[in-house]
N, C-alpha and C. Protein backbone atom coordinates (compact mmCIF):
# COMPACT_ATOMS: atom_id res chain seq x y z
N MET A 1 0.85 -1.18 0.00
CA MET A 1 0.00 0.00 0.00
C MET A 1 0.90 1.24 0.00
N GLU A 2 0.50 2.23 -0.77
CA GLU A 2 1.28 3.45 -0.84
C GLU A 2 0.66 4.53 0.05
N LEU A 3 1.53 5.22 0.80
CA LEU A 3 1.11 6.27 1.70
C LEU A 3 1.64 7.62 1.25
N TYR A 4 0.86 8.65 1.49
CA TYR A 4 1.30 10.02 1.31
C TYR A 4 1.81 10.49 2.67
N VAL A 5 2.97 11.12 2.70
CA VAL A 5 3.52 11.67 3.93
C VAL A 5 3.87 13.12 3.68
N GLY A 6 3.34 14.01 4.48
CA GLY A 6 3.59 15.42 4.27
C GLY A 6 3.88 16.18 5.54
N ASN A 7 4.27 17.43 5.34
CA ASN A 7 4.55 18.37 6.41
C ASN A 7 5.76 17.97 7.26
N PHE A 8 6.76 17.38 6.64
CA PHE A 8 7.99 17.13 7.37
C PHE A 8 9.03 18.18 6.97
N SER A 9 10.10 18.25 7.72
CA SER A 9 11.15 19.23 7.48
C SER A 9 11.80 19.02 6.12
N TYR A 10 12.19 20.11 5.47
CA TYR A 10 12.88 20.00 4.18
C TYR A 10 14.25 19.34 4.34
N LEU A 11 14.72 19.20 5.57
CA LEU A 11 16.00 18.52 5.82
C LEU A 11 15.85 17.01 5.96
N MET A 12 14.62 16.52 6.02
CA MET A 12 14.37 15.08 6.17
C MET A 12 14.91 14.33 4.96
N THR A 13 15.54 13.18 5.22
CA THR A 13 16.08 12.35 4.15
C THR A 13 15.22 11.11 3.94
N GLU A 14 15.40 10.47 2.80
CA GLU A 14 14.69 9.21 2.53
C GLU A 14 15.07 8.17 3.58
N ARG A 15 16.32 8.15 3.97
CA ARG A 15 16.78 7.18 4.98
C ARG A 15 16.06 7.38 6.32
N GLU A 16 15.89 8.65 6.73
CA GLU A 16 15.20 8.94 7.99
C GLU A 16 13.73 8.53 7.93
N LEU A 17 13.07 8.81 6.79
CA LEU A 17 11.67 8.41 6.64
C LEU A 17 11.53 6.90 6.66
N LYS A 18 12.44 6.22 5.97
CA LYS A 18 12.39 4.75 5.95
C LYS A 18 12.55 4.19 7.36
N LYS A 19 13.48 4.75 8.12
CA LYS A 19 13.70 4.30 9.49
C LYS A 19 12.45 4.51 10.34
N LEU A 20 11.82 5.68 10.21
CA LEU A 20 10.61 5.99 10.98
C LEU A 20 9.49 5.00 10.67
N PHE A 21 9.25 4.73 9.38
CA PHE A 21 8.15 3.85 8.99
C PHE A 21 8.48 2.37 9.16
N SER A 22 9.74 2.03 9.19
CA SER A 22 10.14 0.63 9.39
C SER A 22 9.74 0.11 10.76
N SER A 23 9.47 1.01 11.68
CA SER A 23 9.01 0.60 13.01
C SER A 23 7.64 -0.10 12.93
N TYR A 24 6.93 0.10 11.82
CA TYR A 24 5.58 -0.44 11.68
C TYR A 24 5.47 -1.56 10.65
N GLY A 25 6.56 -1.83 9.92
CA GLY A 25 6.54 -2.91 8.94
C GLY A 25 7.61 -2.70 7.88
N ILE A 26 7.59 -3.56 6.88
CA ILE A 26 8.59 -3.52 5.82
C ILE A 26 8.27 -2.40 4.83
N VAL A 27 9.24 -1.50 4.66
CA VAL A 27 9.10 -0.39 3.71
C VAL A 27 9.75 -0.83 2.40
N GLU A 28 8.97 -0.85 1.33
CA GLU A 28 9.49 -1.25 0.02
C GLU A 28 10.18 -0.11 -0.71
N ASN A 29 9.62 1.11 -0.55
CA ASN A 29 10.15 2.23 -1.33
C ASN A 29 9.82 3.55 -0.63
N VAL A 30 10.73 4.50 -0.73
CA VAL A 30 10.52 5.86 -0.24
C VAL A 30 10.86 6.81 -1.37
N HIS A 31 9.97 7.77 -1.63
CA HIS A 31 10.22 8.74 -2.69
C HIS A 31 9.88 10.14 -2.20
N LEU A 32 10.91 10.96 -1.98
CA LEU A 32 10.70 12.35 -1.59
C LEU A 32 10.50 13.19 -2.85
N ILE A 33 9.58 14.12 -2.80
CA ILE A 33 9.33 15.02 -3.92
C ILE A 33 10.22 16.25 -3.74
N THR A 34 10.96 16.58 -4.80
CA THR A 34 11.89 17.70 -4.74
C THR A 34 11.58 18.72 -5.84
N ASP A 35 12.03 19.93 -5.62
CA ASP A 35 11.89 20.98 -6.61
C ASP A 35 12.74 20.65 -7.83
N HIS A 36 12.19 20.83 -8.99
CA HIS A 36 12.87 20.47 -10.24
C HIS A 36 14.19 21.23 -10.41
N TYR A 37 14.23 22.48 -10.01
CA TYR A 37 15.42 23.31 -10.24
C TYR A 37 16.41 23.30 -9.08
N THR A 38 15.91 23.41 -7.85
CA THR A 38 16.81 23.51 -6.70
C THR A 38 17.14 22.16 -6.08
N ARG A 39 16.34 21.15 -6.37
CA ARG A 39 16.49 19.80 -5.80
C ARG A 39 16.21 19.78 -4.30
N GLN A 40 15.65 20.87 -3.77
CA GLN A 40 15.30 20.92 -2.36
C GLN A 40 13.97 20.21 -2.15
N SER A 41 13.83 19.53 -1.03
CA SER A 41 12.61 18.83 -0.70
C SER A 41 11.42 19.77 -0.68
N LYS A 42 10.27 19.27 -1.15
CA LYS A 42 9.02 20.03 -1.06
C LYS A 42 8.25 19.63 0.20
N CYS A 43 8.90 18.89 1.08
CA CYS A 43 8.36 18.50 2.39
C CYS A 43 7.19 17.52 2.31
N PHE A 44 7.15 16.74 1.22
CA PHE A 44 6.20 15.64 1.16
C PHE A 44 6.78 14.54 0.27
N GLY A 45 6.19 13.37 0.40
CA GLY A 45 6.67 12.24 -0.39
C GLY A 45 5.73 11.06 -0.26
N TYR A 46 6.19 9.92 -0.76
CA TYR A 46 5.39 8.71 -0.79
C TYR A 46 6.20 7.54 -0.26
N ILE A 47 5.53 6.68 0.49
CA ILE A 47 6.15 5.49 1.06
C ILE A 47 5.29 4.30 0.68
N ARG A 48 5.93 3.28 0.14
CA ARG A 48 5.21 2.04 -0.19
C ARG A 48 5.59 1.00 0.87
N MET A 49 4.56 0.48 1.53
CA MET A 49 4.76 -0.55 2.54
C MET A 49 4.27 -1.89 2.00
N GLU A 50 4.95 -2.94 2.42
CA GLU A 50 4.65 -4.27 1.89
C GLU A 50 3.25 -4.76 2.25
N ARG A 51 2.85 -4.55 3.51
CA ARG A 51 1.57 -5.11 3.97
C ARG A 51 0.57 -4.00 4.29
N LEU A 52 -0.66 -4.21 3.89
CA LEU A 52 -1.75 -3.28 4.15
C LEU A 52 -1.91 -3.00 5.64
N GLN A 53 -1.85 -4.05 6.46
CA GLN A 53 -2.03 -3.89 7.91
C GLN A 53 -0.94 -2.99 8.50
N ASP A 54 0.28 -3.14 8.01
CA ASP A 54 1.38 -2.31 8.51
C ASP A 54 1.20 -0.85 8.11
N ALA A 55 0.74 -0.63 6.89
CA ALA A 55 0.50 0.74 6.42
C ALA A 55 -0.61 1.39 7.25
N GLU A 56 -1.66 0.66 7.52
CA GLU A 56 -2.76 1.19 8.32
C GLU A 56 -2.30 1.51 9.75
N LYS A 57 -1.43 0.68 10.28
CA LYS A 57 -0.89 0.94 11.62
C LYS A 57 -0.01 2.19 11.61
N ALA A 58 0.79 2.37 10.56
CA ALA A 58 1.64 3.56 10.45
C ALA A 58 0.77 4.82 10.37
N ILE A 59 -0.33 4.76 9.62
CA ILE A 59 -1.24 5.90 9.55
C ILE A 59 -1.79 6.22 10.94
N GLU A 60 -2.26 5.19 11.62
CA GLU A 60 -2.84 5.36 12.96
C GLU A 60 -1.84 5.97 13.94
N LYS A 61 -0.62 5.50 13.90
CA LYS A 61 0.39 5.93 14.88
C LYS A 61 1.09 7.24 14.54
N LEU A 62 1.22 7.56 13.24
CA LEU A 62 2.04 8.71 12.85
C LEU A 62 1.26 9.94 12.39
N HIS A 63 0.03 9.77 11.93
CA HIS A 63 -0.74 10.93 11.45
C HIS A 63 -0.99 11.89 12.60
N ASP A 64 -0.71 13.17 12.37
CA ASP A 64 -0.87 14.24 13.36
C ASP A 64 0.08 14.15 14.55
N LYS A 65 1.11 13.32 14.45
CA LYS A 65 2.11 13.22 15.51
C LYS A 65 3.28 14.13 15.17
N ARG A 66 3.89 14.70 16.19
CA ARG A 66 5.04 15.58 16.01
C ARG A 66 6.30 14.76 15.77
N PHE A 67 7.06 15.18 14.75
CA PHE A 67 8.35 14.57 14.45
C PHE A 67 9.28 15.71 14.05
N ASN A 68 10.35 15.92 14.81
CA ASN A 68 11.28 17.04 14.57
C ASN A 68 10.54 18.37 14.46
N GLU A 69 9.68 18.63 15.43
CA GLU A 69 8.94 19.90 15.52
C GLU A 69 7.87 20.09 14.45
N GLN A 70 7.60 19.08 13.64
CA GLN A 70 6.59 19.18 12.58
C GLN A 70 5.47 18.18 12.87
N LYS A 71 4.24 18.57 12.61
CA LYS A 71 3.09 17.68 12.77
C LYS A 71 2.87 16.95 11.45
N LEU A 72 3.17 15.66 11.42
CA LEU A 72 3.12 14.89 10.18
C LEU A 72 1.69 14.68 9.67
N VAL A 73 1.58 14.60 8.37
CA VAL A 73 0.34 14.19 7.71
C VAL A 73 0.66 12.84 7.06
N VAL A 74 -0.08 11.81 7.45
CA VAL A 74 0.13 10.48 6.90
C VAL A 74 -1.24 9.92 6.54
N LYS A 75 -1.40 9.58 5.26
CA LYS A 75 -2.68 9.03 4.81
C LYS A 75 -2.45 8.16 3.57
N LYS A 76 -3.48 7.42 3.23
CA LYS A 76 -3.41 6.59 2.04
C LYS A 76 -3.24 7.48 0.81
N ALA A 77 -2.28 7.14 -0.04
CA ALA A 77 -2.05 7.93 -1.25
C ALA A 77 -3.18 7.69 -2.24
N LEU A 78 -3.59 8.77 -2.87
CA LEU A 78 -4.62 8.68 -3.91
C LEU A 78 -3.96 8.46 -5.25
N PRO A 79 -4.64 7.79 -6.19
CA PRO A 79 -4.06 7.61 -7.52
C PRO A 79 -3.88 8.97 -8.19
N MET A 80 -2.81 9.09 -8.97
CA MET A 80 -2.53 10.34 -9.66
C MET A 80 -3.62 10.60 -10.71
N ALA A 81 -4.12 11.81 -10.74
CA ALA A 81 -5.16 12.18 -11.70
C ALA A 81 -4.58 12.19 -13.12
N ARG A 82 -5.35 11.72 -14.03
CA ARG A 82 -4.94 11.72 -15.42
C ARG A 82 -5.04 13.13 -15.97
N ARG A 83 -4.01 13.57 -16.65
CA ARG A 83 -3.97 14.93 -17.18
C ARG A 83 -4.56 14.97 -18.59
N GLN A 84 -5.28 16.04 -18.86
CA GLN A 84 -5.86 16.25 -20.18
C GLN A 84 -5.04 17.27 -20.95
N GLY A 85 -5.12 17.25 -22.22
CA GLY A 85 -4.48 18.28 -23.03
C GLY A 85 -3.14 17.85 -23.57
N GLY A 86 -2.54 18.76 -24.29
CA GLY A 86 -1.27 18.48 -24.96
C GLY A 86 -0.08 19.07 -24.25
N SER A 87 0.93 19.28 -25.00
CA SER A 87 2.18 19.81 -24.49
C SER A 87 2.03 21.28 -24.09
N ARG A 88 2.87 21.71 -23.13
CA ARG A 88 2.88 23.12 -22.75
C ARG A 88 3.46 23.97 -23.87
N TRP A 89 4.18 23.41 -24.77
CA TRP A 89 4.87 24.17 -25.82
C TRP A 89 4.06 24.15 -27.06
């Protein structure tokens, strides 16, 4: 199951997020979203956990909890909306 994780510090690393979520189960993948030009974190990302039960437990335990002075947002990731239209150019 894929989770959306937001409102963490821009200094947070993929390794730190993986360690935090590994307390609740096996983390398959961590993907931090970064600015295209600066490569700085946009303070949100996605975590894929192996088991649904573990992901649900992580949501229960981590959503709205403080981590490094930030109140985390943790919820089930929604599918990406399909974009309409052509190229920007």
